[in-house]
Amino acid sequence: MRRIALVCYVVISASAFGRFVYAQDDAKTNAARQQETGPKAPEPPAHYYRLDFVVQEIGADGKPVNSRSYSTDVNTRPHGDTSMIKTGSRIPIMVGGPATSGGEKHFDINYQYIDVGVNLSAGDVHEVGHLLAIFLKAEVSSLGTASANATSDPVIRQNTWVGPVVIPVGKPTVVFSSDALESKGGMQVSVTATLLE
């Protein structure tokens, strides 16, 4: 009987000692992790900016022949929302052709719509010193001029730019530009960031 009691005492003591040692190891591991990562740095305060976009068509002489302005607000919060501007028209395009039903020939006509205009989006905004970094997307589309051998369907001219840009605050900066395909002119997009108080 004493031998059984002694064995039980040893087993219970070993179990309790093992839990104590495991708890100490776990506490040491957690302390080591906190020392490696260090204290969590506070997030910088979010700032709000007004973005003023100017989309310009440039003539063959290098001077603007058409200019349109757009504005939106953005912020520097981590994982902040993307600001978007979309303006334009929906152009109907006639589709279809000859069809036969019940032995009679006729034209089966439908319409598809194409968006033409300006789409701008700005996201992933953050400050880099005195500069502002932004991931921008700009799409500018318009109806092209008809040529002598053109079909009845309109020709759509389209410019698309996507990418990160870094701009100075308070100064208009050309962020995208391209030559026109059908003329010696071109197109450019400039943006001005203004800190909102």
C-alpha atoms as a PDB file:
ATOM      1  CA  MET A   1       0.000   0.000   0.000  1.00  0.00           C
ATOM      2  CA  ARG A   2       2.838   2.377   0.888  1.00  0.00           C
ATOM      3  CA  ARG A   3       4.530   1.552  -2.413  1.00  0.00           C
ATOM      4  CA  ILE A   4       1.356   2.464  -4.388  1.00  0.00           C
ATOM      5  CA  ALA A   5       0.969   5.707  -2.428  1.00  0.00           C
ATOM      6  CA  LEU A   6       4.630   6.560  -3.045  1.00  0.00           C
ATOM      7  CA  VAL A   7       4.278   5.905  -6.795  1.00  0.00           C
ATOM      8  CA  CYS A   8       1.143   8.090  -6.940  1.00  0.00           C
ATOM      9  CA  TYR A   9       2.955  10.874  -5.049  1.00  0.00           C
ATOM     10  CA  VAL A  10       5.913  10.743  -7.461  1.00  0.00           C
ATOM     11  CA  VAL A  11       3.618  10.818 -10.543  1.00  0.00           C
ATOM     12  CA  ILE A  12       1.585  13.769  -9.227  1.00  0.00           C
ATOM     13  CA  SER A  13       4.724  15.698  -8.225  1.00  0.00           C
ATOM     14  CA  ALA A  14       6.365  15.101 -11.614  1.00  0.00           C
ATOM     15  CA  SER A  15       3.206  16.255 -13.406  1.00  0.00           C
ATOM     16  CA  ALA A  16       2.987  19.454 -11.340  1.00  0.00           C
ATOM     17  CA  PHE A  17       6.707  20.148 -11.807  1.00  0.00           C
ATOM     18  CA  GLY A  18       6.374  19.610 -15.587  1.00  0.00           C
ATOM     19  CA  ARG A  19       3.518  22.134 -15.778  1.00  0.00           C
ATOM     20  CA  PHE A  20       5.572  24.657 -13.794  1.00  0.00           C
ATOM     21  CA  VAL A  21       8.597  24.228 -16.108  1.00  0.00           C
ATOM     22  CA  TYR A  22       6.376  24.456 -19.243  1.00  0.00           C
ATOM     23  CA  ALA A  23       4.739  27.676 -17.962  1.00  0.00           C
ATOM     24  CA  GLN A  24       8.178  29.208 -17.340  1.00  0.00           C
ATOM     25  CA  ASP A  25       9.391  28.249 -20.835  1.00  0.00           C
ATOM     26  CA  ASP A  26       6.212  29.689 -22.400  1.00  0.00           C
ATOM     27  CA  ALA A  27       6.667  32.962 -20.478  1.00  0.00           C
ATOM     28  CA  LYS A  28      10.331  33.167 -21.599  1.00  0.00           C
ATOM     29  CA  THR A  29       9.339  32.523 -25.233  1.00  0.00           C
ATOM     30  CA  ASN A  30       6.702  35.293 -25.161  1.00  0.00           C
ATOM     31  CA  ALA A  31       9.190  37.723 -23.551  1.00  0.00           C
ATOM     32  CA  ALA A  32      11.809  36.868 -26.203  1.00  0.00           C
ATOM     33  CA  ARG A  33       9.263  37.476 -28.995  1.00  0.00           C
ATOM     34  CA  GLN A  34       8.379  40.907 -27.612  1.00  0.00           C
ATOM     35  CA  GLN A  35      12.065  41.849 -27.373  1.00  0.00           C
ATOM     36  CA  GLU A  36      12.707  40.768 -30.984  1.00  0.00           C
ATOM     37  CA  THR A  37       9.783  42.673 -32.449  1.00  0.00           C
ATOM     38  CA  GLY A  38      10.113  45.614 -30.081  1.00  0.00           C
ATOM     39  CA  PRO A  39       7.235  47.828 -29.069  1.00  0.00           C
ATOM     40  CA  LYS A  40       4.720  48.502 -31.809  1.00  0.00           C
ATOM     41  CA  ALA A  41       5.275  51.937 -33.305  1.00  0.00           C
ATOM     42  CA  PRO A  42       2.204  54.172 -33.329  1.00  0.00           C
ATOM     43  CA  GLU A  43       0.679  54.795 -36.741  1.00  0.00           C
ATOM     44  CA  PRO A  44       1.256  58.294 -38.112  1.00  0.00           C
ATOM     45  CA  PRO A  45      -1.822  60.552 -38.160  1.00  0.00           C
ATOM     46  CA  ALA A  46      -3.865  60.530 -41.357  1.00  0.00           C
ATOM     47  CA  HIS A  47      -3.714  63.653 -43.509  1.00  0.00           C
ATOM     48  CA  TYR A  48      -6.273  64.692 -46.089  1.00  0.00           C
ATOM     49  CA  TYR A  49      -5.398  66.163 -49.477  1.00  0.00           C
ATOM     50  CA  ARG A  50      -7.351  67.686 -52.334  1.00  0.00           C
ATOM     51  CA  LEU A  51      -6.222  66.398 -55.754  1.00  0.00           C
ATOM     52  CA  ASP A  52      -6.920  68.730 -58.686  1.00  0.00           C
ATOM     53  CA  PHE A  53      -6.543  66.994 -62.046  1.00  0.00           C
ATOM     54  CA  VAL A  54      -6.229  68.805 -65.383  1.00  0.00           C
ATOM     55  CA  VAL A  55      -6.606  66.781 -68.596  1.00  0.00           C
ATOM     56  CA  GLN A  56      -5.285  68.669 -71.625  1.00  0.00           C
ATOM     57  CA  GLU A  57      -5.285  67.956 -75.328  1.00  0.00           C
ATOM     58  CA  ILE A  58      -2.139  69.439 -76.846  1.00  0.00           C
ATOM     59  CA  GLY A  59      -2.052  70.813 -80.400  1.00  0.00           C
ATOM     60  CA  ALA A  60       0.733  70.345 -82.961  1.00  0.00           C
ATOM     61  CA  ASP A  61       2.257  73.626 -81.750  1.00  0.00           C
ATOM     62  CA  GLY A  62       2.604  72.245 -78.200  1.00  0.00           C
ATOM     63  CA  LYS A  63      -0.115  74.512 -76.767  1.00  0.00           C
ATOM     64  CA  PRO A  64      -3.288  73.257 -75.048  1.00  0.00           C
ATOM     65  CA  VAL A  65      -6.337  73.206 -77.325  1.00  0.00           C
ATOM     66  CA  ASN A  66      -8.768  71.708 -74.811  1.00  0.00           C
ATOM     67  CA  SER A  67      -8.584  71.517 -71.018  1.00  0.00           C
ATOM     68  CA  ARG A  68     -10.860  69.843 -68.448  1.00  0.00           C
ATOM     69  CA  SER A  69     -10.549  69.964 -64.641  1.00  0.00           C
ATOM     70  CA  TYR A  70     -11.561  67.413 -61.989  1.00  0.00           C
ATOM     71  CA  SER A  71     -11.128  67.342 -58.194  1.00  0.00           C
ATOM     72  CA  THR A  72     -11.359  64.759 -55.426  1.00  0.00           C
ATOM     73  CA  ASP A  73     -10.179  64.269 -51.850  1.00  0.00           C
ATOM     74  CA  VAL A  74      -7.856  61.495 -50.612  1.00  0.00           C
ATOM     75  CA  ASN A  75      -6.295  60.533 -47.277  1.00  0.00           C
ATOM     76  CA  THR A  76      -3.106  58.866 -46.079  1.00  0.00           C
ATOM     77  CA  ARG A  77      -4.725  56.272 -43.815  1.00  0.00           C
ATOM     78  CA  PRO A  78      -3.197  52.797 -44.191  1.00  0.00           C
ATOM     79  CA  HIS A  79      -5.400  50.701 -46.487  1.00  0.00           C
ATOM     80  CA  GLY A  80      -7.480  53.806 -47.225  1.00  0.00           C
ATOM     81  CA  ASP A  81     -10.217  53.891 -49.811  1.00  0.00           C
ATOM     82  CA  THR A  82      -9.586  54.608 -53.479  1.00  0.00           C
ATOM     83  CA  SER A  83     -11.058  57.877 -54.766  1.00  0.00           C
ATOM     84  CA  MET A  84     -12.635  57.735 -58.215  1.00  0.00           C
ATOM     85  CA  ILE A  85     -13.924  60.224 -60.768  1.00  0.00           C
ATOM     86  CA  LYS A  86     -15.927  59.044 -63.757  1.00  0.00           C
ATOM     87  CA  THR A  87     -17.537  61.357 -66.282  1.00  0.00           C
ATOM     88  CA  GLY A  88     -18.554  60.958 -69.902  1.00  0.00           C
ATOM     89  CA  SER A  89     -21.190  59.673 -72.283  1.00  0.00           C
ATOM     90  CA  ARG A  90     -22.488  56.308 -73.409  1.00  0.00           C
ATOM     91  CA  ILE A  91     -22.305  56.024 -77.202  1.00  0.00           C
ATOM     92  CA  PRO A  92     -24.768  53.602 -78.871  1.00  0.00           C
ATOM     93  CA  ILE A  93     -23.262  51.273 -81.462  1.00  0.00           C
ATOM     94  CA  MET A  94     -25.649  49.484 -83.794  1.00  0.00           C
ATOM     95  CA  VAL A  95     -24.940  45.752 -84.084  1.00  0.00           C
ATOM     96  CA  GLY A  96     -26.744  42.978 -85.915  1.00  0.00           C
ATOM     97  CA  GLY A  97     -27.367  41.936 -89.462  1.00  0.00           C
ATOM     98  CA  PRO A  98     -29.608  39.980 -91.785  1.00  0.00           C
ATOM     99  CA  ALA A  99     -31.667  37.273 -90.105  1.00  0.00           C
ATOM    100  CA  THR A 100     -34.307  34.794 -91.184  1.00  0.00           C
ATOM    101  CA  SER A 101     -37.348  33.719 -89.171  1.00  0.00           C
ATOM    102  CA  GLY A 102     -40.352  31.865 -90.523  1.00  0.00           C
ATOM    103  CA  GLY A 103     -38.851  31.940 -94.016  1.00  0.00           C
ATOM    104  CA  GLU A 104     -38.801  35.743 -94.104  1.00  0.00           C
ATOM    105  CA  LYS A 105     -35.633  37.776 -94.259  1.00  0.00           C
ATOM    106  CA  HIS A 106     -35.236  40.812 -92.044  1.00  0.00           C
ATOM    107  CA  PHE A 107     -32.589  42.750 -90.147  1.00  0.00           C
ATOM    108  CA  ASP A 108     -32.021  41.882 -86.511  1.00  0.00           C
ATOM    109  CA  ILE A 109     -30.672  45.118 -84.990  1.00  0.00           C
ATOM    110  CA  ASN A 110     -29.516  45.735 -81.424  1.00  0.00           C
ATOM    111  CA  TYR A 111     -27.441  48.403 -79.717  1.00  0.00           C
ATOM    112  CA  GLN A 112     -24.359  48.112 -77.554  1.00  0.00           C
ATOM    113  CA  TYR A 113     -23.146  51.070 -75.536  1.00  0.00           C
ATOM    114  CA  ILE A 114     -19.522  52.195 -75.182  1.00  0.00           C
ATOM    115  CA  ASP A 115     -18.426  54.520 -72.369  1.00  0.00           C
ATOM    116  CA  VAL A 116     -16.505  57.536 -73.638  1.00  0.00           C
ATOM    117  CA  GLY A 117     -15.042  60.138 -71.303  1.00  0.00           C
ATOM    118  CA  VAL A 118     -12.633  60.423 -68.362  1.00  0.00           C
ATOM    119  CA  ASN A 119     -12.019  57.926 -65.559  1.00  0.00           C
ATOM    120  CA  LEU A 120      -9.560  58.847 -62.803  1.00  0.00           C
ATOM    121  CA  SER A 121      -8.697  56.909 -59.644  1.00  0.00           C
ATOM    122  CA  ALA A 122      -6.203  57.555 -56.848  1.00  0.00           C
ATOM    123  CA  GLY A 123      -5.259  55.085 -54.092  1.00  0.00           C
ATOM    124  CA  ASP A 124      -2.446  53.911 -51.822  1.00  0.00           C
ATOM    125  CA  VAL A 125      -1.729  57.524 -50.852  1.00  0.00           C
ATOM    126  CA  HIS A 126       1.165  58.083 -48.447  1.00  0.00           C
ATOM    127  CA  GLU A 127       3.664  60.777 -47.599  1.00  0.00           C
ATOM    128  CA  VAL A 128       7.345  60.440 -48.487  1.00  0.00           C
ATOM    129  CA  GLY A 129       9.048  63.332 -46.728  1.00  0.00           C
ATOM    130  CA  HIS A 130       7.604  66.502 -48.297  1.00  0.00           C
ATOM    131  CA  LEU A 131       6.298  64.555 -51.309  1.00  0.00           C
ATOM    132  CA  LEU A 132       3.056  62.652 -51.839  1.00  0.00           C
ATOM    133  CA  ALA A 133       3.103  59.149 -53.356  1.00  0.00           C
ATOM    134  CA  ILE A 134      -0.068  58.029 -55.130  1.00  0.00           C
ATOM    135  CA  PHE A 135      -1.057  55.046 -57.259  1.00  0.00           C
ATOM    136  CA  LEU A 136      -2.939  56.683 -60.156  1.00  0.00           C
ATOM    137  CA  LYS A 137      -5.033  55.369 -62.995  1.00  0.00           C
ATOM    138  CA  ALA A 138      -6.225  57.653 -65.800  1.00  0.00           C
ATOM    139  CA  GLU A 139      -8.361  56.644 -68.788  1.00  0.00           C
ATOM    140  CA  VAL A 140      -9.307  59.252 -71.364  1.00  0.00           C
ATOM    141  CA  SER A 141     -11.382  58.271 -74.389  1.00  0.00           C
ATOM    142  CA  SER A 142     -13.071  60.312 -77.102  1.00  0.00           C
ATOM    143  CA  LEU A 143     -14.667  60.003 -80.515  1.00  0.00           C
ATOM    144  CA  GLY A 144     -12.070  60.122 -83.268  1.00  0.00           C
ATOM    145  CA  THR A 145     -12.406  62.141 -86.461  1.00  0.00           C
ATOM    146  CA  ALA A 146     -14.062  60.203 -89.295  1.00  0.00           C
ATOM    147  CA  SER A 147     -11.927  59.356 -92.317  1.00  0.00           C
ATOM    148  CA  ALA A 148     -13.016  59.146 -95.948  1.00  0.00           C
ATOM    149  CA  ASN A 149     -13.193  55.351 -95.945  1.00  0.00           C
ATOM    150  CA  ALA A 150     -14.668  55.077 -92.434  1.00  0.00           C
ATOM    151  CA  THR A 151     -17.642  52.863 -91.705  1.00  0.00           C
ATOM    152  CA  SER A 152     -20.750  54.245 -90.023  1.00  0.00           C
ATOM    153  CA  ASP A 153     -19.444  53.089 -86.631  1.00  0.00           C
ATOM    154  CA  PRO A 154     -17.546  55.710 -84.638  1.00  0.00           C
ATOM    155  CA  VAL A 155     -13.816  55.466 -84.036  1.00  0.00           C
ATOM    156  CA  ILE A 156     -12.905  55.590 -80.330  1.00  0.00           C
ATOM    157  CA  ARG A 157      -9.554  57.128 -79.345  1.00  0.00           C
ATOM    158  CA  GLN A 158      -8.301  55.927 -75.972  1.00  0.00           C
ATOM    159  CA  ASN A 159      -5.391  56.748 -73.648  1.00  0.00           C
ATOM    160  CA  THR A 160      -4.789  54.737 -70.465  1.00  0.00           C
ATOM    161  CA  TRP A 161      -2.060  55.237 -67.853  1.00  0.00           C
ATOM    162  CA  VAL A 162      -1.623  53.197 -64.671  1.00  0.00           C
ATOM    163  CA  GLY A 163       1.219  53.490 -62.185  1.00  0.00           C
ATOM    164  CA  PRO A 164       2.706  54.980 -59.037  1.00  0.00           C
ATOM    165  CA  VAL A 165       3.702  58.655 -59.049  1.00  0.00           C
ATOM    166  CA  VAL A 166       5.449  60.926 -56.544  1.00  0.00           C
ATOM    167  CA  ILE A 167       4.543  64.611 -56.652  1.00  0.00           C
ATOM    168  CA  PRO A 168       5.459  67.712 -54.643  1.00  0.00           C
ATOM    169  CA  VAL A 169       2.656  69.146 -52.530  1.00  0.00           C
ATOM    170  CA  GLY A 170       1.189  72.407 -53.825  1.00  0.00           C
ATOM    171  CA  LYS A 171       2.842  72.312 -57.261  1.00  0.00           C
ATOM    172  CA  PRO A 172       1.086  71.284 -60.538  1.00  0.00           C
ATOM    173  CA  THR A 173       2.912  68.263 -61.924  1.00  0.00           C
ATOM    174  CA  VAL A 174       2.446  66.462 -65.257  1.00  0.00           C
ATOM    175  CA  VAL A 175       2.109  62.794 -64.331  1.00  0.00           C
ATOM    176  CA  PHE A 176       1.086  61.252 -67.675  1.00  0.00           C
ATOM    177  CA  SER A 177       1.586  62.317 -71.282  1.00  0.00           C
ATOM    178  CA  SER A 178       1.434  60.754 -74.726  1.00  0.00           C
ATOM    179  CA  ASP A 179       1.464  61.633 -78.412  1.00  0.00           C
ATOM    180  CA  ALA A 180      -1.723  61.403 -80.446  1.00  0.00           C
ATOM    181  CA  LEU A 181      -1.850  58.655 -83.079  1.00  0.00           C
ATOM    182  CA  GLU A 182      -3.708  60.620 -85.747  1.00  0.00           C
ATOM    183  CA  SER A 183      -1.981  64.012 -85.392  1.00  0.00           C
ATOM    184  CA  LYS A 184       1.176  65.748 -84.164  1.00  0.00           C
ATOM    185  CA  GLY A 185      -0.582  66.737 -80.954  1.00  0.00           C
ATOM    186  CA  GLY A 186      -0.908  64.779 -77.741  1.00  0.00           C
ATOM    187  CA  MET A 187      -2.526  64.528 -74.351  1.00  0.00           C
ATOM    188  CA  GLN A 188      -1.338  65.057 -70.797  1.00  0.00           C
ATOM    189  CA  VAL A 189      -2.684  64.758 -67.263  1.00  0.00           C
ATOM    190  CA  SER A 190      -1.387  66.979 -64.480  1.00  0.00           C
ATOM    191  CA  VAL A 191      -2.267  66.862 -60.788  1.00  0.00           C
ATOM    192  CA  THR A 192      -1.884  69.286 -57.899  1.00  0.00           C
ATOM    193  CA  ALA A 193      -2.051  68.021 -54.294  1.00  0.00           C
ATOM    194  CA  THR A 194      -3.140  70.503 -51.621  1.00  0.00           C
ATOM    195  CA  LEU A 195      -3.006  69.662 -47.909  1.00  0.00           C
ATOM    196  CA  LEU A 196      -6.395  70.261 -46.283  1.00  0.00           C
ATOM    197  CA  GLU A 197      -6.250  71.860 -42.820  1.00  0.00           C
END
